[in-house]
All heavy atoms as atom14 arrays in JSON, in Angstrom:
{
  "sequence": "FQEPMTSLNPVFTIGDQITEVIREHQAVSRAQAESRAAEL",
  "atom14_mask": [
    [1, 1, 1, 1, 1, 1, 1, 1, 1, 1, 1, 0, 0, 0],
    [1, 1, 1, 1, 1, 1, 1, 1, 1, 0, 0, 0, 0, 0],
    [1, 1, 1, 1, 1, 1, 1, 1, 1, 0, 0, 0, 0, 0],
    [1, 1, 1, 1, 1, 1, 1, 0, 0, 0, 0, 0, 0, 0],
    [1, 1, 1, 1, 1, 1, 1, 1, 0, 0, 0, 0, 0, 0],
    [1, 1, 1, 1, 1, 1, 1, 0, 0, 0, 0, 0, 0, 0],
    [1, 1, 1, 1, 1, 1, 0, 0, 0, 0, 0, 0, 0, 0],
    [1, 1, 1, 1, 1, 1, 1, 1, 0, 0, 0, 0, 0, 0],
    [1, 1, 1, 1, 1, 1, 1, 1, 0, 0, 0, 0, 0, 0],
    [1, 1, 1, 1, 1, 1, 1, 0, 0, 0, 0, 0, 0, 0],
    [1, 1, 1, 1, 1, 1, 1, 0, 0, 0, 0, 0, 0, 0],
    [1, 1, 1, 1, 1, 1, 1, 1, 1, 1, 1, 0, 0, 0],
    [1, 1, 1, 1, 1, 1, 1, 0, 0, 0, 0, 0, 0, 0],
    [1, 1, 1, 1, 1, 1, 1, 1, 0, 0, 0, 0, 0, 0],
    [1, 1, 1, 1, 0, 0, 0, 0, 0, 0, 0, 0, 0, 0],
    [1, 1, 1, 1, 1, 1, 1, 1, 0, 0, 0, 0, 0, 0],
    [1, 1, 1, 1, 1, 1, 1, 1, 1, 0, 0, 0, 0, 0],
    [1, 1, 1, 1, 1, 1, 1, 1, 0, 0, 0, 0, 0, 0],
    [1, 1, 1, 1, 1, 1, 1, 0, 0, 0, 0, 0, 0, 0],
    [1, 1, 1, 1, 1, 1, 1, 1, 1, 0, 0, 0, 0, 0],
    [1, 1, 1, 1, 1, 1, 1, 0, 0, 0, 0, 0, 0, 0],
    [1, 1, 1, 1, 1, 1, 1, 1, 0, 0, 0, 0, 0, 0],
    [1, 1, 1, 1, 1, 1, 1, 1, 1, 1, 1, 0, 0, 0],
    [1, 1, 1, 1, 1, 1, 1, 1, 1, 0, 0, 0, 0, 0],
    [1, 1, 1, 1, 1, 1, 1, 1, 1, 1, 0, 0, 0, 0],
    [1, 1, 1, 1, 1, 1, 1, 1, 1, 0, 0, 0, 0, 0],
    [1, 1, 1, 1, 1, 0, 0, 0, 0, 0, 0, 0, 0, 0],
    [1, 1, 1, 1, 1, 1, 1, 0, 0, 0, 0, 0, 0, 0],
    [1, 1, 1, 1, 1, 1, 0, 0, 0, 0, 0, 0, 0, 0],
    [1, 1, 1, 1, 1, 1, 1, 1, 1, 1, 1, 0, 0, 0],
    [1, 1, 1, 1, 1, 0, 0, 0, 0, 0, 0, 0, 0, 0],
    [1, 1, 1, 1, 1, 1, 1, 1, 1, 0, 0, 0, 0, 0],
    [1, 1, 1, 1, 1, 0, 0, 0, 0, 0, 0, 0, 0, 0],
    [1, 1, 1, 1, 1, 1, 1, 1, 1, 0, 0, 0, 0, 0],
    [1, 1, 1, 1, 1, 1, 0, 0, 0, 0, 0, 0, 0, 0],
    [1, 1, 1, 1, 1, 1, 1, 1, 1, 1, 1, 0, 0, 0],
    [1, 1, 1, 1, 1, 0, 0, 0, 0, 0, 0, 0, 0, 0],
    [1, 1, 1, 1, 1, 0, 0, 0, 0, 0, 0, 0, 0, 0],
    [1, 1, 1, 1, 1, 1, 1, 1, 1, 0, 0, 0, 0, 0],
    [1, 1, 1, 1, 1, 1, 1, 1, 0, 0, 0, 0, 0, 0]
  ],
  "atom14_positions": [
    [[91.96, 108.25, 91.02], [91.6, 108.98, 92.23], [92.75, 109.88, 92.66], [93.89, 109.75, 92.24], [91.21, 108.0, 93.34], [89.92, 107.29, 93.06], [89.91, 106.03, 92.46], [88.71, 107.87, 93.38], [88.73, 105.37, 92.19], [87.51, 107.22, 93.1], [87.52, 105.97, 92.51], [0.0, 0.0, 0.0], [0.0, 0.0, 0.0], [0.0, 0.0, 0.0]],
    [[92.4, 110.8, 93.57], [93.28, 111.91, 93.9], [94.56, 111.49, 94.6], [95.61, 112.05, 94.33], [92.51, 112.91, 94.76], [93.14, 114.26, 94.86], [92.19, 115.29, 95.47], [92.59, 116.03, 96.35], [90.96, 115.33, 95.01], [0.0, 0.0, 0.0], [0.0, 0.0, 0.0], [0.0, 0.0, 0.0], [0.0, 0.0, 0.0], [0.0, 0.0, 0.0]],
    [[94.5, 110.52, 95.5], [95.66, 110.17, 96.3], [96.0, 108.69, 96.12], [95.31, 107.82, 96.66], [95.37, 110.46, 97.78], [96.52, 110.14, 98.73], [97.86, 110.69, 98.27], [98.0, 111.92, 98.19], [98.75, 109.87, 97.97], [0.0, 0.0, 0.0], [0.0, 0.0, 0.0], [0.0, 0.0, 0.0], [0.0, 0.0, 0.0], [0.0, 0.0, 0.0]],
    [[97.04, 108.36, 95.35], [97.32, 106.96, 95.04], [97.68, 106.11, 96.25], [97.41, 104.92, 96.29], [98.5, 107.03, 94.05], [99.12, 108.36, 94.28], [98.0, 109.27, 94.7], [0.0, 0.0, 0.0], [0.0, 0.0, 0.0], [0.0, 0.0, 0.0], [0.0, 0.0, 0.0], [0.0, 0.0, 0.0], [0.0, 0.0, 0.0], [0.0, 0.0, 0.0]],
    [[98.3, 106.71, 97.29], [98.7, 105.91, 98.44], [97.49, 105.41, 99.21], [97.5, 104.31, 99.77], [99.62, 106.72, 99.36], [100.4, 105.86, 100.36], [101.39, 104.59, 99.53], [101.47, 103.33, 100.79], [0.0, 0.0, 0.0], [0.0, 0.0, 0.0], [0.0, 0.0, 0.0], [0.0, 0.0, 0.0], [0.0, 0.0, 0.0], [0.0, 0.0, 0.0]],
    [[96.43, 106.21, 99.28], [95.23, 105.77, 99.98], [94.27, 105.01, 99.06], [93.39, 104.3, 99.54], [94.49, 106.98, 100.6], [94.2, 107.93, 99.58], [95.35, 107.65, 101.66], [0.0, 0.0, 0.0], [0.0, 0.0, 0.0], [0.0, 0.0, 0.0], [0.0, 0.0, 0.0], [0.0, 0.0, 0.0], [0.0, 0.0, 0.0], [0.0, 0.0, 0.0]],
    [[94.42, 105.17, 97.75], [93.54, 104.46, 96.81], [93.99, 103.02, 96.58], [93.17, 102.15, 96.31], [93.5, 105.21, 95.48], [93.0, 106.51, 95.64], [0.0, 0.0, 0.0], [0.0, 0.0, 0.0], [0.0, 0.0, 0.0], [0.0, 0.0, 0.0], [0.0, 0.0, 0.0], [0.0, 0.0, 0.0], [0.0, 0.0, 0.0], [0.0, 0.0, 0.0]],
    [[95.29, 102.78, 96.68], [95.8, 101.42, 96.53], [95.75, 100.7, 97.88], [96.05, 101.28, 98.92], [97.24, 101.45, 96.01], [97.42, 101.97, 94.58], [98.9, 102.19, 94.27], [96.81, 101.01, 93.57], [0.0, 0.0, 0.0], [0.0, 0.0, 0.0], [0.0, 0.0, 0.0], [0.0, 0.0, 0.0], [0.0, 0.0, 0.0], [0.0, 0.0, 0.0]],
    [[95.39, 99.42, 97.85], [95.3, 98.62, 99.08], [96.71, 98.2, 99.5], [97.41, 97.51, 98.74], [94.43, 97.4, 98.84], [94.03, 96.71, 100.13], [94.85, 96.57, 101.04], [92.79, 96.29, 100.21], [0.0, 0.0, 0.0], [0.0, 0.0, 0.0], [0.0, 0.0, 0.0], [0.0, 0.0, 0.0], [0.0, 0.0, 0.0], [0.0, 0.0, 0.0]],
    [[97.16, 98.57, 100.7], [98.55, 98.29, 101.1], [98.85, 96.81, 101.34], [100.02, 96.43, 101.39], [98.71, 99.1, 102.4], [97.31, 99.23, 102.94], [96.43, 99.32, 101.73], [0.0, 0.0, 0.0], [0.0, 0.0, 0.0], [0.0, 0.0, 0.0], [0.0, 0.0, 0.0], [0.0, 0.0, 0.0], [0.0, 0.0, 0.0], [0.0, 0.0, 0.0]],
    [[97.83, 95.96, 101.49], [98.08, 94.56, 101.82], [98.02, 93.64, 100.6], [98.18, 92.43, 100.73], [97.11, 94.05, 102.91], [97.26, 94.89, 104.17], [95.67, 94.06, 102.42], [0.0, 0.0, 0.0], [0.0, 0.0, 0.0], [0.0, 0.0, 0.0], [0.0, 0.0, 0.0], [0.0, 0.0, 0.0], [0.0, 0.0, 0.0], [0.0, 0.0, 0.0]],
    [[97.76, 94.2, 99.42], [97.75, 93.41, 98.19], [98.82, 93.92, 97.24], [99.13, 95.11, 97.22], [96.38, 93.48, 97.5], [95.29, 92.74, 98.22], [94.41, 93.42, 99.04], [95.17, 91.37, 98.1], [93.41, 92.75, 99.72], [94.17, 90.68, 98.78], [93.29, 91.37, 99.61], [0.0, 0.0, 0.0], [0.0, 0.0, 0.0], [0.0, 0.0, 0.0]],
    [[99.37, 93.01, 96.46], [100.4, 93.42, 95.5], [99.78, 94.25, 94.38], [98.57, 94.24, 94.16], [101.09, 92.2, 94.89], [100.14, 91.47, 94.09], [101.68, 91.29, 95.95], [0.0, 0.0, 0.0], [0.0, 0.0, 0.0], [0.0, 0.0, 0.0], [0.0, 0.0, 0.0], [0.0, 0.0, 0.0], [0.0, 0.0, 0.0], [0.0, 0.0, 0.0]],
    [[100.66, 94.92, 93.66], [100.22, 95.7, 92.5], [99.52, 94.79, 91.49], [98.46, 95.12, 90.94], [101.42, 96.4, 91.84], [102.06, 97.4, 92.81], [101.01, 97.07, 90.54], [101.14, 98.46, 93.34], [0.0, 0.0, 0.0], [0.0, 0.0, 0.0], [0.0, 0.0, 0.0], [0.0, 0.0, 0.0], [0.0, 0.0, 0.0], [0.0, 0.0, 0.0]],
    [[100.1, 93.62, 91.26], [99.51, 92.68, 90.3], [98.12, 92.24, 90.7], [97.21, 92.15, 89.86], [0.0, 0.0, 0.0], [0.0, 0.0, 0.0], [0.0, 0.0, 0.0], [0.0, 0.0, 0.0], [0.0, 0.0, 0.0], [0.0, 0.0, 0.0], [0.0, 0.0, 0.0], [0.0, 0.0, 0.0], [0.0, 0.0, 0.0], [0.0, 0.0, 0.0]],
    [[97.92, 91.94, 92.0], [96.6, 91.52, 92.48], [95.56, 92.61, 92.21], [94.42, 92.3, 91.83], [96.65, 91.23, 93.98], [97.37, 89.92, 94.29], [97.44, 89.06, 93.39], [97.85, 89.77, 95.43], [0.0, 0.0, 0.0], [0.0, 0.0, 0.0], [0.0, 0.0, 0.0], [0.0, 0.0, 0.0], [0.0, 0.0, 0.0], [0.0, 0.0, 0.0]],
    [[95.95, 93.86, 92.41], [94.98, 94.94, 92.29], [94.63, 95.25, 90.84], [93.5, 95.62, 90.54], [95.52, 96.18, 93.02], [95.66, 95.92, 94.52], [96.11, 97.13, 95.3], [95.4, 98.13, 95.37], [97.28, 97.03, 95.92], [0.0, 0.0, 0.0], [0.0, 0.0, 0.0], [0.0, 0.0, 0.0], [0.0, 0.0, 0.0], [0.0, 0.0, 0.0]],
    [[95.57, 95.07, 89.94], [95.26, 95.29, 88.52], [94.45, 94.12, 87.97], [93.45, 94.31, 87.26], [96.54, 95.47, 87.7], [97.34, 96.69, 88.2], [96.2, 95.68, 86.22], [98.67, 96.88, 87.5], [0.0, 0.0, 0.0], [0.0, 0.0, 0.0], [0.0, 0.0, 0.0], [0.0, 0.0, 0.0], [0.0, 0.0, 0.0], [0.0, 0.0, 0.0]],
    [[94.86, 92.89, 88.29], [94.15, 91.72, 87.77], [92.72, 91.63, 88.31], [91.83, 91.12, 87.63], [94.9, 90.42, 88.09], [95.11, 90.31, 89.5], [96.25, 90.38, 87.38], [0.0, 0.0, 0.0], [0.0, 0.0, 0.0], [0.0, 0.0, 0.0], [0.0, 0.0, 0.0], [0.0, 0.0, 0.0], [0.0, 0.0, 0.0], [0.0, 0.0, 0.0]],
    [[92.5, 92.12, 89.53], [91.14, 92.1, 90.08], [90.18, 92.89, 89.2], [89.05, 92.44, 88.93], [91.14, 92.68, 91.49], [89.75, 92.72, 92.13], [89.74, 93.42, 93.47], [90.7, 94.17, 93.77], [88.76, 93.25, 94.21], [0.0, 0.0, 0.0], [0.0, 0.0, 0.0], [0.0, 0.0, 0.0], [0.0, 0.0, 0.0], [0.0, 0.0, 0.0]],
    [[90.62, 94.06, 88.73], [89.77, 94.89, 87.87], [89.52, 94.18, 86.54], [88.39, 94.16, 86.03], [90.43, 96.26, 87.63], [89.62, 97.08, 86.63], [90.58, 97.01, 88.94], [0.0, 0.0, 0.0], [0.0, 0.0, 0.0], [0.0, 0.0, 0.0], [0.0, 0.0, 0.0], [0.0, 0.0, 0.0], [0.0, 0.0, 0.0], [0.0, 0.0, 0.0]],
    [[90.56, 93.59, 85.98], [90.43, 92.92, 84.68], [89.45, 91.75, 84.77], [88.54, 91.6, 83.95], [91.81, 92.44, 84.19], [92.73, 93.65, 83.95], [91.66, 91.62, 82.9], [94.17, 93.27, 83.7], [0.0, 0.0, 0.0], [0.0, 0.0, 0.0], [0.0, 0.0, 0.0], [0.0, 0.0, 0.0], [0.0, 0.0, 0.0], [0.0, 0.0, 0.0]],
    [[89.6, 90.93, 85.81], [88.76, 89.73, 85.93], [87.33, 90.07, 86.35], [86.41, 89.28, 86.09], [89.39, 88.76, 86.92], [90.78, 88.28, 86.49], [91.26, 87.12, 87.32], [90.54, 85.9, 86.98], [90.62, 84.75, 87.68], [91.39, 84.71, 88.76], [89.96, 83.69, 87.31], [0.0, 0.0, 0.0], [0.0, 0.0, 0.0], [0.0, 0.0, 0.0]],
    [[87.15, 91.24, 86.97], [85.8, 91.66, 87.34], [84.96, 91.97, 86.1], [83.75, 91.73, 86.08], [85.89, 92.92, 88.23], [84.57, 93.56, 88.57], [83.73, 92.74, 89.54], [84.3, 91.87, 90.27], [82.5, 92.95, 89.57], [0.0, 0.0, 0.0], [0.0, 0.0, 0.0], [0.0, 0.0, 0.0], [0.0, 0.0, 0.0], [0.0, 0.0, 0.0]],
    [[85.61, 92.47, 85.05], [84.87, 92.94, 83.88], [85.08, 92.09, 82.63], [84.36, 92.28, 81.65], [85.25, 94.39, 83.57], [84.88, 95.35, 84.65], [83.58, 95.71, 84.92], [85.65, 96.01, 85.55], [83.56, 96.57, 85.93], [84.79, 96.77, 86.33], [0.0, 0.0, 0.0], [0.0, 0.0, 0.0], [0.0, 0.0, 0.0], [0.0, 0.0, 0.0]],
    [[86.06, 91.21, 82.63], [86.35, 90.41, 81.44], [86.46, 88.94, 81.8], [86.99, 88.58, 82.85], [87.65, 90.9, 80.79], [87.6, 92.34, 80.32], [88.91, 92.81, 79.72], [89.86, 92.05, 79.6], [88.96, 94.08, 79.32], [0.0, 0.0, 0.0], [0.0, 0.0, 0.0], [0.0, 0.0, 0.0], [0.0, 0.0, 0.0], [0.0, 0.0, 0.0]],
    [[85.97, 88.08, 80.9], [86.0, 86.64, 81.12], [87.36, 86.08, 80.69], [87.51, 85.55, 79.59], [84.87, 85.96, 80.36], [0.0, 0.0, 0.0], [0.0, 0.0, 0.0], [0.0, 0.0, 0.0], [0.0, 0.0, 0.0], [0.0, 0.0, 0.0], [0.0, 0.0, 0.0], [0.0, 0.0, 0.0], [0.0, 0.0, 0.0], [0.0, 0.0, 0.0]],
    [[88.37, 86.25, 81.55], [89.71, 85.78, 81.25], [90.24, 84.98, 82.44], [89.76, 85.11, 83.57], [90.67, 86.96, 80.96], [90.23, 87.71, 79.72], [90.75, 87.9, 82.15], [0.0, 0.0, 0.0], [0.0, 0.0, 0.0], [0.0, 0.0, 0.0], [0.0, 0.0, 0.0], [0.0, 0.0, 0.0], [0.0, 0.0, 0.0], [0.0, 0.0, 0.0]],
    [[91.24, 84.13, 82.17], [91.87, 83.37, 83.24], [92.81, 84.26, 84.05], [93.13, 85.37, 83.63], [92.65, 82.19, 82.64], [93.75, 82.69, 81.89], [0.0, 0.0, 0.0], [0.0, 0.0, 0.0], [0.0, 0.0, 0.0], [0.0, 0.0, 0.0], [0.0, 0.0, 0.0], [0.0, 0.0, 0.0], [0.0, 0.0, 0.0], [0.0, 0.0, 0.0]],
    [[93.28, 83.74, 85.18], [94.22, 84.52, 86.0], [95.52, 84.78, 85.23], [96.07, 85.88, 85.29], [94.52, 83.79, 87.3], [95.46, 84.58, 88.22], [95.55, 84.01, 89.61], [96.41, 84.85, 90.42], [96.01, 85.97, 91.02], [94.76, 86.38, 90.87], [96.84, 86.68, 91.75], [0.0, 0.0, 0.0], [0.0, 0.0, 0.0], [0.0, 0.0, 0.0]],
    [[95.98, 83.77, 84.5], [97.23, 83.94, 83.73], [97.06, 85.02, 82.66], [97.96, 85.83, 82.43], [97.63, 82.61, 83.09], [0.0, 0.0, 0.0], [0.0, 0.0, 0.0], [0.0, 0.0, 0.0], [0.0, 0.0, 0.0], [0.0, 0.0, 0.0], [0.0, 0.0, 0.0], [0.0, 0.0, 0.0], [0.0, 0.0, 0.0], [0.0, 0.0, 0.0]],
    [[95.91, 85.01, 81.99], [95.65, 86.03, 80.97], [95.57, 87.43, 81.6], [96.06, 88.41, 81.04], [94.36, 85.71, 80.23], [94.44, 84.5, 79.31], [93.09, 84.1, 78.75], [92.07, 84.12, 79.46], [93.07, 83.74, 77.46], [0.0, 0.0, 0.0], [0.0, 0.0, 0.0], [0.0, 0.0, 0.0], [0.0, 0.0, 0.0], [0.0, 0.0, 0.0]],
    [[94.94, 87.5, 82.78], [94.83, 88.79, 83.47], [96.2, 89.31, 83.89], [96.48, 90.5, 83.79], [93.91, 88.66, 84.68], [0.0, 0.0, 0.0], [0.0, 0.0, 0.0], [0.0, 0.0, 0.0], [0.0, 0.0, 0.0], [0.0, 0.0, 0.0], [0.0, 0.0, 0.0], [0.0, 0.0, 0.0], [0.0, 0.0, 0.0], [0.0, 0.0, 0.0]],
    [[97.07, 88.4, 84.35], [98.41, 88.81, 84.75], [99.23, 89.28, 83.56], [99.99, 90.25, 83.65], [99.12, 87.65, 85.46], [98.56, 87.37, 86.86], [99.27, 86.2, 87.52], [100.07, 85.5, 86.83], [99.01, 85.97, 88.72], [0.0, 0.0, 0.0], [0.0, 0.0, 0.0], [0.0, 0.0, 0.0], [0.0, 0.0, 0.0], [0.0, 0.0, 0.0]],
    [[99.05, 88.61, 82.42], [99.74, 89.04, 81.2], [99.26, 90.43, 80.77], [100.06, 91.29, 80.39], [99.47, 88.03, 80.08], [100.05, 88.46, 78.86], [0.0, 0.0, 0.0], [0.0, 0.0, 0.0], [0.0, 0.0, 0.0], [0.0, 0.0, 0.0], [0.0, 0.0, 0.0], [0.0, 0.0, 0.0], [0.0, 0.0, 0.0], [0.0, 0.0, 0.0]],
    [[97.94, 90.66, 80.87], [97.38, 91.96, 80.54], [97.88, 93.03, 81.52], [98.19, 94.15, 81.12], [95.86, 91.88, 80.57], [95.12, 93.21, 80.46], [95.38, 93.91, 79.15], [94.58, 95.12, 79.03], [94.83, 96.13, 78.2], [95.9, 96.08, 77.42], [94.06, 97.18, 78.15], [0.0, 0.0, 0.0], [0.0, 0.0, 0.0], [0.0, 0.0, 0.0]],
    [[98.01, 92.67, 82.81], [98.49, 93.62, 83.81], [99.92, 94.05, 83.5], [100.27, 95.23, 83.63], [98.41, 92.98, 85.2], [0.0, 0.0, 0.0], [0.0, 0.0, 0.0], [0.0, 0.0, 0.0], [0.0, 0.0, 0.0], [0.0, 0.0, 0.0], [0.0, 0.0, 0.0], [0.0, 0.0, 0.0], [0.0, 0.0, 0.0], [0.0, 0.0, 0.0]],
    [[100.74, 93.1, 83.08], [102.13, 93.45, 82.71], [102.14, 94.37, 81.49], [102.94, 95.31, 81.42], [102.92, 92.17, 82.43], [0.0, 0.0, 0.0], [0.0, 0.0, 0.0], [0.0, 0.0, 0.0], [0.0, 0.0, 0.0], [0.0, 0.0, 0.0], [0.0, 0.0, 0.0], [0.0, 0.0, 0.0], [0.0, 0.0, 0.0], [0.0, 0.0, 0.0]],
    [[101.25, 94.11, 80.52], [101.15, 94.98, 79.35], [100.77, 96.41, 79.76], [101.3, 97.38, 79.22], [100.09, 94.44, 78.38], [100.48, 93.14, 77.67], [99.35, 92.63, 76.8], [98.33, 93.36, 76.65], [99.46, 91.51, 76.28], [0.0, 0.0, 0.0], [0.0, 0.0, 0.0], [0.0, 0.0, 0.0], [0.0, 0.0, 0.0], [0.0, 0.0, 0.0]],
    [[99.85, 96.5, 80.7], [99.4, 97.83, 81.15], [100.52, 98.59, 81.85], [100.69, 99.79, 81.63], [98.2, 97.68, 82.1], [96.88, 97.27, 81.43], [95.88, 96.79, 82.46], [96.31, 98.45, 80.64], [0.0, 0.0, 0.0], [0.0, 0.0, 0.0], [0.0, 0.0, 0.0], [0.0, 0.0, 0.0], [0.0, 0.0, 0.0], [0.0, 0.0, 0.0]]
  ]
}
């Protein structure tokens, strides 16, 4: 999206916001999602 400051939720960490997308679409554990988030 056009403006990253308004697109990212200010009350959640970067990790929470990346892992939320991963877990929404893939059947993985939280630990696996966090590992994938670090890779990204």
